[in-house]
Amino acid sequence: MQAAPLRANPALPIPSVTGALRAVEAVLMRGGQRTARRNAWTSVLEDRRRAKDRHEAEYVLEAAATQRPHAT
């Protein structure tokens, strides 16, 4: 007798890594700690975004400063 082939059940979604980490976080931490950690991570991401924007602005300003005006 052969075993039935295993098939993924379409009704059950595959959990994401983020979802799994949040589930572990919920079990291990209290609500206040979880909120504080999420707020800290949001701040880190926002700082990275601002640094990227600042770098892009410096690049554009430097490129504009080094361009020579065209003779007409």
C-alpha atoms as a PDB file:
ATOM      1  CA  MET A   1       0.000   0.000   0.000  1.00  0.00           C
ATOM      2  CA  GLN A   2       1.392   3.375  -1.022  1.00  0.00           C
ATOM      3  CA  ALA A   3       1.199   6.483   1.080  1.00  0.00           C
ATOM      4  CA  ALA A   4      -0.845   9.326  -0.325  1.00  0.00           C
ATOM      5  CA  PRO A   5       1.294  12.092  -1.791  1.00  0.00           C
ATOM      6  CA  LEU A   6       1.658  15.155   0.370  1.00  0.00           C
ATOM      7  CA  ARG A   7       0.027  18.232  -1.082  1.00  0.00           C
ATOM      8  CA  ALA A   8       0.006  21.759   0.218  1.00  0.00           C
ATOM      9  CA  ASN A   9      -3.374  22.701   1.574  1.00  0.00           C
ATOM     10  CA  PRO A  10      -4.424  25.887  -0.239  1.00  0.00           C
ATOM     11  CA  ALA A  11      -6.572  26.910   2.731  1.00  0.00           C
ATOM     12  CA  LEU A  12      -3.516  27.208   5.005  1.00  0.00           C
ATOM     13  CA  PRO A  13      -1.153  30.038   4.013  1.00  0.00           C
ATOM     14  CA  ILE A  14       2.559  29.531   4.455  1.00  0.00           C
ATOM     15  CA  PRO A  15       3.679  31.765   7.333  1.00  0.00           C
ATOM     16  CA  SER A  16       6.208  34.436   6.485  1.00  0.00           C
ATOM     17  CA  VAL A  17       9.457  34.885   8.349  1.00  0.00           C
ATOM     18  CA  THR A  18       8.174  38.207   9.657  1.00  0.00           C
ATOM     19  CA  GLY A  19       5.005  36.585  10.936  1.00  0.00           C
ATOM     20  CA  ALA A  20       6.960  33.812  12.614  1.00  0.00           C
ATOM     21  CA  LEU A  21       9.299  36.306  14.287  1.00  0.00           C
ATOM     22  CA  ARG A  22       6.372  38.379  15.514  1.00  0.00           C
ATOM     23  CA  ALA A  23       4.741  35.265  16.945  1.00  0.00           C
ATOM     24  CA  VAL A  24       7.931  34.385  18.843  1.00  0.00           C
ATOM     25  CA  GLU A  25       8.246  38.016  19.940  1.00  0.00           C
ATOM     26  CA  ALA A  26       4.685  37.982  21.277  1.00  0.00           C
ATOM     27  CA  VAL A  27       5.384  34.868  23.328  1.00  0.00           C
ATOM     28  CA  LEU A  28       8.696  36.082  24.739  1.00  0.00           C
ATOM     29  CA  MET A  29       7.972  39.747  25.410  1.00  0.00           C
ATOM     30  CA  ARG A  30       5.342  41.730  27.177  1.00  0.00           C
ATOM     31  CA  GLY A  31       3.266  44.207  25.228  1.00  0.00           C
ATOM     32  CA  GLY A  32       5.230  47.289  26.293  1.00  0.00           C
ATOM     33  CA  GLN A  33       8.563  45.780  25.378  1.00  0.00           C
ATOM     34  CA  ARG A  34       7.201  44.646  22.042  1.00  0.00           C
ATOM     35  CA  THR A  35       5.911  48.149  21.275  1.00  0.00           C
ATOM     36  CA  ALA A  36       9.205  49.737  22.325  1.00  0.00           C
ATOM     37  CA  ARG A  37      11.185  47.372  20.120  1.00  0.00           C
ATOM     38  CA  ARG A  38       8.900  47.998  17.151  1.00  0.00           C
ATOM     39  CA  ASN A  39       9.177  51.756  17.660  1.00  0.00           C
ATOM     40  CA  ALA A  40      12.966  51.499  17.851  1.00  0.00           C
ATOM     41  CA  TRP A  41      13.103  49.457  14.645  1.00  0.00           C
ATOM     42  CA  THR A  42      10.816  51.954  12.902  1.00  0.00           C
ATOM     43  CA  SER A  43      13.212  54.719  13.956  1.00  0.00           C
ATOM     44  CA  VAL A  44      16.178  52.790  12.557  1.00  0.00           C
ATOM     45  CA  LEU A  45      14.408  52.322   9.223  1.00  0.00           C
ATOM     46  CA  GLU A  46      13.453  56.009   9.109  1.00  0.00           C
ATOM     47  CA  ASP A  47      17.059  57.037   9.867  1.00  0.00           C
ATOM     48  CA  ARG A  48      18.276  54.798   7.035  1.00  0.00           C
ATOM     49  CA  ARG A  49      15.734  56.337   4.662  1.00  0.00           C
ATOM     50  CA  ARG A  50      16.821  59.870   5.608  1.00  0.00           C
ATOM     51  CA  ALA A  51      20.503  58.949   5.173  1.00  0.00           C
ATOM     52  CA  LYS A  52      19.748  57.548   1.716  1.00  0.00           C
ATOM     53  CA  ASP A  53      17.824  60.703   0.771  1.00  0.00           C
ATOM     54  CA  ARG A  54      20.677  62.873   2.074  1.00  0.00           C
ATOM     55  CA  HIS A  55      23.215  60.872   0.049  1.00  0.00           C
ATOM     56  CA  GLU A  56      21.127  61.192  -3.116  1.00  0.00           C
ATOM     57  CA  ALA A  57      20.742  64.964  -2.563  1.00  0.00           C
ATOM     58  CA  GLU A  58      24.518  65.346  -2.100  1.00  0.00           C
ATOM     59  CA  TYR A  59      25.092  63.416  -5.331  1.00  0.00           C
ATOM     60  CA  VAL A  60      22.683  65.634  -7.278  1.00  0.00           C
ATOM     61  CA  LEU A  61      24.121  68.863  -5.835  1.00  0.00           C
ATOM     62  CA  GLU A  62      27.679  67.742  -6.529  1.00  0.00           C
ATOM     63  CA  ALA A  63      26.791  66.790 -10.092  1.00  0.00           C
ATOM     64  CA  ALA A  64      25.088  70.162 -10.631  1.00  0.00           C
ATOM     65  CA  ALA A  65      28.073  72.033  -9.204  1.00  0.00           C
ATOM     66  CA  THR A  66      30.586  70.293 -11.477  1.00  0.00           C
ATOM     67  CA  GLN A  67      28.663  70.825 -14.723  1.00  0.00           C
ATOM     68  CA  ARG A  68      30.085  73.538 -16.939  1.00  0.00           C
ATOM     69  CA  PRO A  69      27.720  75.976 -18.551  1.00  0.00           C
ATOM     70  CA  HIS A  70      27.342  75.370 -22.286  1.00  0.00           C
ATOM     71  CA  ALA A  71      28.604  78.063 -24.626  1.00  0.00           C
ATOM     72  CA  THR A  72      25.893  79.509 -26.827  1.00  0.00           C
END
